[in-house]
Amino acid sequence: MYAVIKTGGKQHRVSAGDVIEIEKIHGGKGDTVFFDEVLLVSRDEDVRVGTPYVTGAKVSGEIIEQTKSRKINVFKMKRRKGYKKKTGHRQKLTKMKIKEISI
């Protein structure tokens, strides 16, 4: 059984027991989070597709840790003009373990 959920502007395919990294959501270690924006639920041969969301479907997960991704360096330059600019970015992430998918 798996589901497709929407969080942080992205879609994730999850099953019970999966550990995923999503964009940061509020909560501490050990907190339970429910996702109501379920786009698709599949159980064996039965597939339910939402319009846009599946009614009554929920995915619950437990926060394992709040972390950051690796650093991305951004370097801009215009040749022969003396313009150079270097910046970076580290995206804040939440690592979650999916507990169950309920319909």
PDB file of N, CA and C in Angstrom:
ATOM      1  N   MET A   1       0.843  -1.176   0.000  1.00  0.00           N
ATOM      2  CA  MET A   1       0.000   0.000   0.000  1.00  0.00           C
ATOM      3  C   MET A   1       0.886   1.237   0.000  1.00  0.00           C
ATOM      4  N   TYR A   2       0.564   2.196  -0.862  1.00  0.00           N
ATOM      5  CA  TYR A   2       1.316   3.438  -0.908  1.00  0.00           C
ATOM      6  C   TYR A   2       0.371   4.598  -1.183  1.00  0.00           C
ATOM      7  N   ALA A   3       0.893   5.801  -0.957  1.00  0.00           N
ATOM      8  CA  ALA A   3       0.117   7.012  -1.190  1.00  0.00           C
ATOM      9  C   ALA A   3       1.038   8.080  -1.747  1.00  0.00           C
ATOM     10  N   VAL A   4       0.439   9.046  -2.425  1.00  0.00           N
ATOM     11  CA  VAL A   4       1.175  10.214  -2.900  1.00  0.00           C
ATOM     12  C   VAL A   4       0.626  11.404  -2.127  1.00  0.00           C
ATOM     13  N   ILE A   5       1.528  12.083  -1.375  1.00  0.00           N
ATOM     14  CA  ILE A   5       1.121  13.233  -0.569  1.00  0.00           C
ATOM     15  C   ILE A   5       1.774  14.493  -1.123  1.00  0.00           C
ATOM     16  N   LYS A   6       1.167  15.622  -0.795  1.00  0.00           N
ATOM     17  CA  LYS A   6       1.698  16.911  -1.222  1.00  0.00           C
ATOM     18  C   LYS A   6       2.089  17.690   0.021  1.00  0.00           C
ATOM     19  N   THR A   7       3.353  18.132   0.084  1.00  0.00           N
ATOM     20  CA  THR A   7       3.826  18.950   1.189  1.00  0.00           C
ATOM     21  C   THR A   7       5.008  19.780   0.719  1.00  0.00           C
ATOM     22  N   GLY A   8       5.027  21.028   1.117  1.00  0.00           N
ATOM     23  CA  GLY A   8       6.131  21.902   0.742  1.00  0.00           C
ATOM     24  C   GLY A   8       6.211  22.179  -0.742  1.00  0.00           C
ATOM     25  N   GLY A   9       5.076  22.117  -1.455  1.00  0.00           N
ATOM     26  CA  GLY A   9       5.071  22.365  -2.885  1.00  0.00           C
ATOM     27  C   GLY A   9       5.589  21.204  -3.719  1.00  0.00           C
ATOM     28  N   LYS A  10       5.832  20.070  -3.088  1.00  0.00           N
ATOM     29  CA  LYS A  10       6.331  18.892  -3.791  1.00  0.00           C
ATOM     30  C   LYS A  10       5.423  17.704  -3.499  1.00  0.00           C
ATOM     31  N   GLN A  11       5.549  16.669  -4.328  1.00  0.00           N
ATOM     32  CA  GLN A  11       4.782  15.449  -4.129  1.00  0.00           C
ATOM     33  C   GLN A  11       5.731  14.322  -3.760  1.00  0.00           C
ATOM     34  N   HIS A  12       5.331  13.492  -2.799  1.00  0.00           N
ATOM     35  CA  HIS A  12       6.158  12.387  -2.331  1.00  0.00           C
ATOM     36  C   HIS A  12       5.346  11.097  -2.341  1.00  0.00           C
ATOM     37  N   ARG A  13       5.946  10.024  -2.863  1.00  0.00           N
ATOM     38  CA  ARG A  13       5.312   8.703  -2.817  1.00  0.00           C
ATOM     39  C   ARG A  13       5.802   8.019  -1.548  1.00  0.00           C
ATOM     40  N   VAL A  14       4.872   7.648  -0.669  1.00  0.00           N
ATOM     41  CA  VAL A  14       5.234   7.100   0.634  1.00  0.00           C
ATOM     42  C   VAL A  14       4.500   5.792   0.897  1.00  0.00           C
ATOM     43  N   SER A  15       5.149   4.939   1.677  1.00  0.00           N
ATOM     44  CA  SER A  15       4.553   3.710   2.190  1.00  0.00           C
ATOM     45  C   SER A  15       4.789   3.686   3.690  1.00  0.00           C
ATOM     46  N   ALA A  16       4.081   2.821   4.400  1.00  0.00           N
ATOM     47  CA  ALA A  16       4.280   2.703   5.846  1.00  0.00           C
ATOM     48  C   ALA A  16       5.702   2.214   6.101  1.00  0.00           C
ATOM     49  N   GLY A  17       6.407   2.889   7.020  1.00  0.00           N
ATOM     50  CA  GLY A  17       7.774   2.509   7.366  1.00  0.00           C
ATOM     51  C   GLY A  17       8.839   3.272   6.604  1.00  0.00           C
ATOM     52  N   ASP A  18       8.464   4.062   5.589  1.00  0.00           N
ATOM     53  CA  ASP A  18       9.438   4.843   4.825  1.00  0.00           C
ATOM     54  C   ASP A  18       9.978   5.994   5.659  1.00  0.00           C
ATOM     55  N   VAL A  19      11.240   6.347   5.429  1.00  0.00           N
ATOM     56  CA  VAL A  19      11.848   7.533   6.031  1.00  0.00           C
ATOM     57  C   VAL A  19      12.103   8.511   4.894  1.00  0.00           C
ATOM     58  N   ILE A  20      11.491   9.698   4.976  1.00  0.00           N
ATOM     59  CA  ILE A  20      11.614  10.686   3.914  1.00  0.00           C
ATOM     60  C   ILE A  20      12.119  12.003   4.477  1.00  0.00           C
ATOM     61  N   GLU A  21      12.710  12.828   3.599  1.00  0.00           N
ATOM     62  CA  GLU A  21      13.119  14.176   3.950  1.00  0.00           C
ATOM     63  C   GLU A  21      12.236  15.145   3.185  1.00  0.00           C
ATOM     64  N   ILE A  22      11.548  16.025   3.916  1.00  0.00           N
ATOM     65  CA  ILE A  22      10.674  17.012   3.302  1.00  0.00           C
ATOM     66  C   ILE A  22      11.111  18.391   3.755  1.00  0.00           C
ATOM     67  N   GLU A  23      10.565  19.432   3.115  1.00  0.00           N
ATOM     68  CA  GLU A  23      10.860  20.779   3.554  1.00  0.00           C
ATOM     69  C   GLU A  23      10.372  20.957   4.983  1.00  0.00           C
ATOM     70  N   LYS A  24      11.045  21.831   5.727  1.00  0.00           N
ATOM     71  CA  LYS A  24      10.810  21.954   7.159  1.00  0.00           C
ATOM     72  C   LYS A  24       9.345  22.244   7.491  1.00  0.00           C
ATOM     73  N   ILE A  25       8.836  21.476   8.457  1.00  0.00           N
ATOM     74  CA  ILE A  25       7.520  21.734   9.033  1.00  0.00           C
ATOM     75  C   ILE A  25       7.703  21.922  10.535  1.00  0.00           C
ATOM     76  N   HIS A  26       6.765  22.586  11.155  1.00  0.00           N
ATOM     77  CA  HIS A  26       6.875  22.874  12.584  1.00  0.00           C
ATOM     78  C   HIS A  26       6.671  21.605  13.404  1.00  0.00           C
ATOM     79  N   GLY A  27       7.446  21.492  14.465  1.00  0.00           N
ATOM     80  CA  GLY A  27       7.323  20.354  15.366  1.00  0.00           C
ATOM     81  C   GLY A  27       8.685  19.928  15.865  1.00  0.00           C
ATOM     82  N   GLY A  28       8.678  19.163  16.927  1.00  0.00           N
ATOM     83  CA  GLY A  28       9.916  18.670  17.514  1.00  0.00           C
ATOM     84  C   GLY A  28      10.061  17.172  17.312  1.00  0.00           C
ATOM     85  N   LYS A  29      11.182  16.672  17.783  1.00  0.00           N
ATOM     86  CA  LYS A  29      11.467  15.247  17.646  1.00  0.00           C
ATOM     87  C   LYS A  29      10.414  14.424  18.388  1.00  0.00           C
ATOM     88  N   GLY A  30       9.863  13.422  17.708  1.00  0.00           N
ATOM     89  CA  GLY A  30       8.856  12.556  18.314  1.00  0.00           C
ATOM     90  C   GLY A  30       7.423  13.004  18.106  1.00  0.00           C
ATOM     91  N   ASP A  31       7.209  14.200  17.552  1.00  0.00           N
ATOM     92  CA  ASP A  31       5.842  14.689  17.308  1.00  0.00           C
ATOM     93  C   ASP A  31       5.200  13.930  16.144  1.00  0.00           C
ATOM     94  N   THR A  32       3.891  13.763  16.214  1.00  0.00           N
ATOM     95  CA  THR A  32       3.138  13.119  15.145  1.00  0.00           C
ATOM     96  C   THR A  32       2.511  14.178  14.261  1.00  0.00           C
ATOM     97  N   VAL A  33       2.633  13.989  12.952  1.00  0.00           N
ATOM     98  CA  VAL A  33       2.110  14.939  11.976  1.00  0.00           C
ATOM     99  C   VAL A  33       1.156  14.192  11.047  1.00  0.00           C
ATOM    100  N   PHE A  34       0.024  14.822  10.711  1.00  0.00           N
ATOM    101  CA  PHE A  34      -0.949  14.242   9.799  1.00  0.00           C
ATOM    102  C   PHE A  34      -0.959  15.042   8.501  1.00  0.00           C
ATOM    103  N   PHE A  35      -0.949  14.324   7.378  1.00  0.00           N
ATOM    104  CA  PHE A  35      -1.030  14.954   6.065  1.00  0.00           C
ATOM    105  C   PHE A  35      -2.418  14.679   5.487  1.00  0.00           C
ATOM    106  N   ASP A  36      -3.177  15.759   5.235  1.00  0.00           N
ATOM    107  CA  ASP A  36      -4.525  15.633   4.691  1.00  0.00           C
ATOM    108  C   ASP A  36      -4.540  15.751   3.175  1.00  0.00           C
ATOM    109  N   GLU A  37      -3.488  16.336   2.607  1.00  0.00           N
ATOM    110  CA  GLU A  37      -3.426  16.541   1.159  1.00  0.00           C
ATOM    111  C   GLU A  37      -2.887  15.274   0.488  1.00  0.00           C
ATOM    112  N   VAL A  38      -3.738  14.265   0.402  1.00  0.00           N
ATOM    113  CA  VAL A  38      -3.378  12.978  -0.208  1.00  0.00           C
ATOM    114  C   VAL A  38      -3.926  12.971  -1.631  1.00  0.00           C
ATOM    115  N   LEU A  39      -3.041  12.841  -2.602  1.00  0.00           N
ATOM    116  CA  LEU A  39      -3.438  12.915  -4.011  1.00  0.00           C
ATOM    117  C   LEU A  39      -3.843  11.562  -4.580  1.00  0.00           C
ATOM    118  N   LEU A  40      -3.238  10.470  -4.062  1.00  0.00           N
ATOM    119  CA  LEU A  40      -3.506   9.135  -4.601  1.00  0.00           C
ATOM    120  C   LEU A  40      -3.274   8.112  -3.502  1.00  0.00           C
ATOM    121  N   VAL A  41      -4.119   7.083  -3.469  1.00  0.00           N
ATOM    122  CA  VAL A  41      -3.945   5.972  -2.539  1.00  0.00           C
ATOM    123  C   VAL A  41      -4.092   4.680  -3.334  1.00  0.00           C
ATOM    124  N   SER A  42      -3.144   3.764  -3.136  1.00  0.00           N
ATOM    125  CA  SER A  42      -3.189   2.491  -3.843  1.00  0.00           C
ATOM    126  C   SER A  42      -3.076   1.353  -2.839  1.00  0.00           C
ATOM    127  N   ARG A  43      -4.043   0.455  -2.885  1.00  0.00           N
ATOM    128  CA  ARG A  43      -4.023  -0.745  -2.056  1.00  0.00           C
ATOM    129  C   ARG A  43      -4.233  -1.928  -2.980  1.00  0.00           C
ATOM    130  N   ASP A  44      -3.210  -2.760  -3.150  1.00  0.00           N
ATOM    131  CA  ASP A  44      -3.218  -3.898  -4.080  1.00  0.00           C
ATOM    132  C   ASP A  44      -3.634  -3.425  -5.479  1.00  0.00           C
ATOM    133  N   GLU A  45      -4.795  -3.834  -5.953  1.00  0.00           N
ATOM    134  CA  GLU A  45      -5.262  -3.444  -7.287  1.00  0.00           C
ATOM    135  C   GLU A  45      -6.214  -2.241  -7.247  1.00  0.00           C
ATOM    136  N   ASP A  46      -6.616  -1.835  -6.046  1.00  0.00           N
ATOM    137  CA  ASP A  46      -7.542  -0.714  -5.890  1.00  0.00           C
ATOM    138  C   ASP A  46      -6.755   0.595  -5.838  1.00  0.00           C
ATOM    139  N   VAL A  47      -6.950   1.465  -6.828  1.00  0.00           N
ATOM    140  CA  VAL A  47      -6.265   2.754  -6.891  1.00  0.00           C
ATOM    141  C   VAL A  47      -7.307   3.858  -6.820  1.00  0.00           C
ATOM    142  N   ARG A  48      -7.150   4.767  -5.854  1.00  0.00           N
ATOM    143  CA  ARG A  48      -8.053   5.910  -5.724  1.00  0.00           C
ATOM    144  C   ARG A  48      -7.280   7.172  -6.053  1.00  0.00           C
ATOM    145  N   VAL A  49      -7.759   7.923  -7.028  1.00  0.00           N
ATOM    146  CA  VAL A  49      -7.142   9.184  -7.421  1.00  0.00           C
ATOM    147  C   VAL A  49      -8.079  10.305  -7.005  1.00  0.00           C
ATOM    148  N   GLY A  50      -7.535  11.315  -6.339  1.00  0.00           N
ATOM    149  CA  GLY A  50      -8.353  12.414  -5.852  1.00  0.00           C
ATOM    150  C   GLY A  50      -8.575  13.487  -6.893  1.00  0.00           C
ATOM    151  N   THR A  51      -9.564  14.339  -6.630  1.00  0.00           N
ATOM    152  CA  THR A  51      -9.844  15.470  -7.517  1.00  0.00           C
ATOM    153  C   THR A  51      -9.985  16.740  -6.701  1.00  0.00           C
ATOM    154  N   PRO A  52      -8.995  17.417  -6.222  1.00  0.00           N
ATOM    155  CA  PRO A  52      -7.581  17.085  -6.283  1.00  0.00           C
ATOM    156  C   PRO A  52      -7.111  16.163  -5.154  1.00  0.00           C
ATOM    157  N   TYR A  53      -7.881  16.044  -4.073  1.00  0.00           N
ATOM    158  CA  TYR A  53      -7.449  15.215  -2.945  1.00  0.00           C
ATOM    159  C   TYR A  53      -8.437  14.069  -2.715  1.00  0.00           C
ATOM    160  N   VAL A  54      -7.943  12.961  -2.170  1.00  0.00           N
ATOM    161  CA  VAL A  54      -8.789  11.816  -1.838  1.00  0.00           C
ATOM    162  C   VAL A  54      -9.517  12.150  -0.533  1.00  0.00           C
ATOM    163  N   THR A  55     -10.845  12.096  -0.551  1.00  0.00           N
ATOM    164  CA  THR A  55     -11.618  12.450   0.638  1.00  0.00           C
ATOM    165  C   THR A  55     -11.475  11.370   1.701  1.00  0.00           C
ATOM    166  N   GLY A  56     -11.220  11.796   2.928  1.00  0.00           N
ATOM    167  CA  GLY A  56     -11.124  10.874   4.047  1.00  0.00           C
ATOM    168  C   GLY A  56      -9.793  10.179   4.206  1.00  0.00           C
ATOM    169  N   ALA A  57      -8.849  10.425   3.319  1.00  0.00           N
ATOM    170  CA  ALA A  57      -7.544   9.769   3.408  1.00  0.00           C
ATOM    171  C   ALA A  57      -6.589  10.622   4.223  1.00  0.00           C
ATOM    172  N   LYS A  58      -5.795   9.954   5.069  1.00  0.00           N
ATOM    173  CA  LYS A  58      -4.805  10.634   5.898  1.00  0.00           C
ATOM    174  C   LYS A  58      -3.541   9.797   5.948  1.00  0.00           C
ATOM    175  N   VAL A  59      -2.427  10.482   6.038  1.00  0.00           N
ATOM    176  CA  VAL A  59      -1.137   9.825   6.226  1.00  0.00           C
ATOM    177  C   VAL A  59      -0.538  10.404   7.498  1.00  0.00           C
ATOM    178  N   SER A  60      -0.129   9.526   8.413  1.00  0.00           N
ATOM    179  CA  SER A  60       0.477   9.998   9.654  1.00  0.00           C
ATOM    180  C   SER A  60       1.954   9.633   9.664  1.00  0.00           C
ATOM    181  N   GLY A  61       2.732  10.538  10.239  1.00  0.00           N
ATOM    182  CA  GLY A  61       4.166  10.313  10.316  1.00  0.00           C
ATOM    183  C   GLY A  61       4.729  10.871  11.605  1.00  0.00           C
ATOM    184  N   GLU A  62       5.927  10.424  11.953  1.00  0.00           N
ATOM    185  CA  GLU A  62       6.596  10.875  13.172  1.00  0.00           C
ATOM    186  C   GLU A  62       7.879  11.587  12.788  1.00  0.00           C
ATOM    187  N   ILE A  63       8.116  12.755  13.396  1.00  0.00           N
ATOM    188  CA  ILE A  63       9.321  13.524  13.112  1.00  0.00           C
ATOM    189  C   ILE A  63      10.505  12.855  13.792  1.00  0.00           C
ATOM    190  N   ILE A  64      11.535  12.548  13.002  1.00  0.00           N
ATOM    191  CA  ILE A  64      12.754  11.941  13.542  1.00  0.00           C
ATOM    192  C   ILE A  64      13.742  13.027  13.937  1.00  0.00           C
ATOM    193  N   GLU A  65      13.969  14.017  13.028  1.00  0.00           N
ATOM    194  CA  GLU A  65      14.864  15.121  13.353  1.00  0.00           C
ATOM    195  C   GLU A  65      14.645  16.288  12.407  1.00  0.00           C
ATOM    196  N   GLN A  66      15.069  17.473  12.857  1.00  0.00           N
ATOM    197  CA  GLN A  66      15.100  18.674  12.034  1.00  0.00           C
ATOM    198  C   GLN A  66      16.560  18.872  11.626  1.00  0.00           C
ATOM    199  N   THR A  67      16.826  19.019  10.334  1.00  0.00           N
ATOM    200  CA  THR A  67      18.201  19.073   9.849  1.00  0.00           C
ATOM    201  C   THR A  67      18.304  20.052   8.686  1.00  0.00           C
ATOM    202  N   LYS A  68      19.498  20.150   8.108  1.00  0.00           N
ATOM    203  CA  LYS A  68      19.734  20.983   6.933  1.00  0.00           C
ATOM    204  C   LYS A  68      20.360  20.134   5.844  1.00  0.00           C
ATOM    205  N   SER A  69      20.100  20.509   4.592  1.00  0.00           N
ATOM    206  CA  SER A  69      20.721  19.798   3.474  1.00  0.00           C
ATOM    207  C   SER A  69      22.149  20.309   3.296  1.00  0.00           C
ATOM    208  N   ARG A  70      22.858  19.728   2.328  1.00  0.00           N
ATOM    209  CA  ARG A  70      24.227  20.187   2.096  1.00  0.00           C
ATOM    210  C   ARG A  70      24.192  21.577   1.480  1.00  0.00           C
ATOM    211  N   LYS A  71      25.297  22.302   1.604  1.00  0.00           N
ATOM    212  CA  LYS A  71      25.355  23.680   1.132  1.00  0.00           C
ATOM    213  C   LYS A  71      25.504  23.732  -0.384  1.00  0.00           C
ATOM    214  N   ILE A  72      24.761  24.648  -0.989  1.00  0.00           N
ATOM    215  CA  ILE A  72      24.851  24.892  -2.425  1.00  0.00           C
ATOM    216  C   ILE A  72      25.507  26.246  -2.614  1.00  0.00           C
ATOM    217  N   ASN A  73      26.609  26.295  -3.373  1.00  0.00           N
ATOM    218  CA  ASN A  73      27.294  27.555  -3.658  1.00  0.00           C
ATOM    219  C   ASN A  73      26.760  28.155  -4.950  1.00  0.00           C
ATOM    220  N   VAL A  74      26.481  29.460  -4.895  1.00  0.00           N
ATOM    221  CA  VAL A  74      25.989  30.190  -6.057  1.00  0.00           C
ATOM    222  C   VAL A  74      27.032  31.246  -6.391  1.00  0.00           C
ATOM    223  N   PHE A  75      27.585  31.203  -7.597  1.00  0.00           N
ATOM    224  CA  PHE A  75      28.621  32.144  -8.016  1.00  0.00           C
ATOM    225  C   PHE A  75      28.177  32.830  -9.298  1.00  0.00           C
ATOM    226  N   LYS A  76      28.138  34.175  -9.246  1.00  0.00           N
ATOM    227  CA  LYS A  76      27.753  34.961 -10.415  1.00  0.00           C
ATOM    228  C   LYS A  76      28.940  35.808 -10.831  1.00  0.00           C
ATOM    229  N   MET A  77      29.128  35.957 -12.169  1.00  0.00           N
ATOM    230  CA  MET A  77      30.255  36.726 -12.662  1.00  0.00           C
ATOM    231  C   MET A  77      29.930  37.276 -14.044  1.00  0.00           C
ATOM    232  N   LYS A  78      30.366  38.504 -14.296  1.00  0.00           N
ATOM    233  CA  LYS A  78      30.273  39.075 -15.644  1.00  0.00           C
ATOM    234  C   LYS A  78      31.700  39.335 -16.106  1.00  0.00           C
ATOM    235  N   ARG A  79      32.071  38.724 -17.203  1.00  0.00           N
ATOM    236  CA  ARG A  79      33.454  38.829 -17.640  1.00  0.00           C
ATOM    237  C   ARG A  79      33.809  40.248 -18.085  1.00  0.00           C
ATOM    238  N   ARG A  80      35.030  40.609 -17.806  1.00  0.00           N
ATOM    239  CA  ARG A  80      35.629  41.904 -18.144  1.00  0.00           C
ATOM    240  C   ARG A  80      34.934  43.085 -17.471  1.00  0.00           C
ATOM    241  N   LYS A  81      34.101  42.893 -16.503  1.00  0.00           N
ATOM    242  CA  LYS A  81      33.400  43.989 -15.823  1.00  0.00           C
ATOM    243  C   LYS A  81      33.806  44.113 -14.359  1.00  0.00           C
ATOM    244  N   GLY A  82      34.491  43.109 -13.834  1.00  0.00           N
ATOM    245  CA  GLY A  82      34.900  43.145 -12.431  1.00  0.00           C
ATOM    246  C   GLY A  82      33.787  42.792 -11.461  1.00  0.00           C
ATOM    247  N   TYR A  83      32.706  42.210 -11.968  1.00  0.00           N
ATOM    248  CA  TYR A  83      31.569  41.854 -11.115  1.00  0.00           C
ATOM    249  C   TYR A  83      31.660  40.384 -10.732  1.00  0.00           C
ATOM    250  N   LYS A  84      31.773  40.136  -9.424  1.00  0.00           N
ATOM    251  CA  LYS A  84      31.764  38.776  -8.905  1.00  0.00           C
ATOM    252  C   LYS A  84      30.916  38.768  -7.638  1.00  0.00           C
ATOM    253  N   LYS A  85      30.102  37.735  -7.483  1.00  0.00           N
ATOM    254  CA  LYS A  85      29.248  37.627  -6.301  1.00  0.00           C
ATOM    255  C   LYS A  85      29.136  36.157  -5.933  1.00  0.00           C
ATOM    256  N   LYS A  86      29.419  35.831  -4.688  1.00  0.00           N
ATOM    257  CA  LYS A  86      29.336  34.450  -4.226  1.00  0.00           C
ATOM    258  C   LYS A  86      28.404  34.391  -3.024  1.00  0.00           C
ATOM    259  N   THR A  87      27.391  33.538  -3.118  1.00  0.00           N
ATOM    260  CA  THR A  87      26.473  33.311  -2.005  1.00  0.00           C
ATOM    261  C   THR A  87      26.245  31.815  -1.876  1.00  0.00           C
ATOM    262  N   GLY A  88      25.526  31.422  -0.849  1.00  0.00           N
ATOM    263  CA  GLY A  88      25.233  30.012  -0.642  1.00  0.00           C
ATOM    264  C   GLY A  88      23.841  29.836  -0.061  1.00  0.00           C
ATOM    265  N   HIS A  89      23.425  28.574   0.008  1.00  0.00           N
ATOM    266  CA  HIS A  89      22.095  28.272   0.540  1.00  0.00           C
ATOM    267  C   HIS A  89      22.107  26.877   1.147  1.00  0.00           C
ATOM    268  N   ARG A  90      21.474  26.735   2.306  1.00  0.00           N
ATOM    269  CA  ARG A  90      21.234  25.425   2.922  1.00  0.00           C
ATOM    270  C   ARG A  90      19.761  25.334   3.250  1.00  0.00           C
ATOM    271  N   GLN A  91      19.080  24.386   2.611  1.00  0.00           N
ATOM    272  CA  GLN A  91      17.647  24.201   2.819  1.00  0.00           C
ATOM    273  C   GLN A  91      17.403  23.486   4.146  1.00  0.00           C
ATOM    274  N   LYS A  92      16.464  23.989   4.928  1.00  0.00           N
ATOM    275  CA  LYS A  92      16.088  23.330   6.172  1.00  0.00           C
ATOM    276  C   LYS A  92      15.134  22.184   5.854  1.00  0.00           C
ATOM    277  N   LEU A  93      15.389  21.020   6.444  1.00  0.00           N
ATOM    278  CA  LEU A  93      14.623  19.812   6.157  1.00  0.00           C
ATOM    279  C   LEU A  93      14.091  19.180   7.429  1.00  0.00           C
ATOM    280  N   THR A  94      13.062  18.380   7.279  1.00  0.00           N
ATOM    281  CA  THR A  94      12.518  17.560   8.355  1.00  0.00           C
ATOM    282  C   THR A  94      12.588  16.112   7.904  1.00  0.00           C
ATOM    283  N   LYS A  95      13.211  15.273   8.718  1.00  0.00           N
ATOM    284  CA  LYS A  95      13.286  13.847   8.422  1.00  0.00           C
ATOM    285  C   LYS A  95      12.132  13.175   9.156  1.00  0.00           C
ATOM    286  N   MET A  96      11.309  12.424   8.403  1.00  0.00           N
ATOM    287  CA  MET A  96      10.107  11.816   8.963  1.00  0.00           C
ATOM    288  C   MET A  96      10.047  10.323   8.679  1.00  0.00           C
ATOM    289  N   LYS A  97       9.407   9.605   9.586  1.00  0.00           N
ATOM    290  CA  LYS A  97       9.098   8.198   9.367  1.00  0.00           C
ATOM    291  C   LYS A  97       7.587   8.088   9.238  1.00  0.00           C
ATOM    292  N   ILE A  98       7.141   7.475   8.148  1.00  0.00           N
ATOM    293  CA  ILE A  98       5.709   7.324   7.894  1.00  0.00           C
ATOM    294  C   ILE A  98       5.178   6.162   8.720  1.00  0.00           C
ATOM    295  N   LYS A  99       4.157   6.426   9.534  1.00  0.00           N
ATOM    296  CA  LYS A  99       3.581   5.396  10.400  1.00  0.00           C
ATOM    297  C   LYS A  99       2.505   4.587   9.678  1.00  0.00           C
ATOM    298  N   GLU A 100       1.448   5.286   9.214  1.00  0.00           N
ATOM    299  CA  GLU A 100       0.362   4.545   8.584  1.00  0.00           C
ATOM    300  C   GLU A 100      -0.373   5.403   7.572  1.00  0.00           C
ATOM    301  N   ILE A 101      -1.059   4.717   6.670  1.00  0.00           N
ATOM    302  CA  ILE A 101      -1.904   5.354   5.663  1.00  0.00           C
ATOM    303  C   ILE A 101      -3.330   4.862   5.923  1.00  0.00           C
ATOM    304  N   SER A 102      -4.231   5.800   6.172  1.00  0.00           N
ATOM    305  CA  SER A 102      -5.623   5.409   6.449  1.00  0.00           C
ATOM    306  C   SER A 102      -6.543   6.014   5.409  1.00  0.00           C
ATOM    307  N   ILE A 103      -7.581   5.252   5.064  1.00  0.00           N
ATOM    308  CA  ILE A 103      -8.546   5.724   4.048  1.00  0.00           C
ATOM    309  C   ILE A 103      -9.860   6.027   4.742  1.00  0.00           C
TER     310      ILE A 103
END
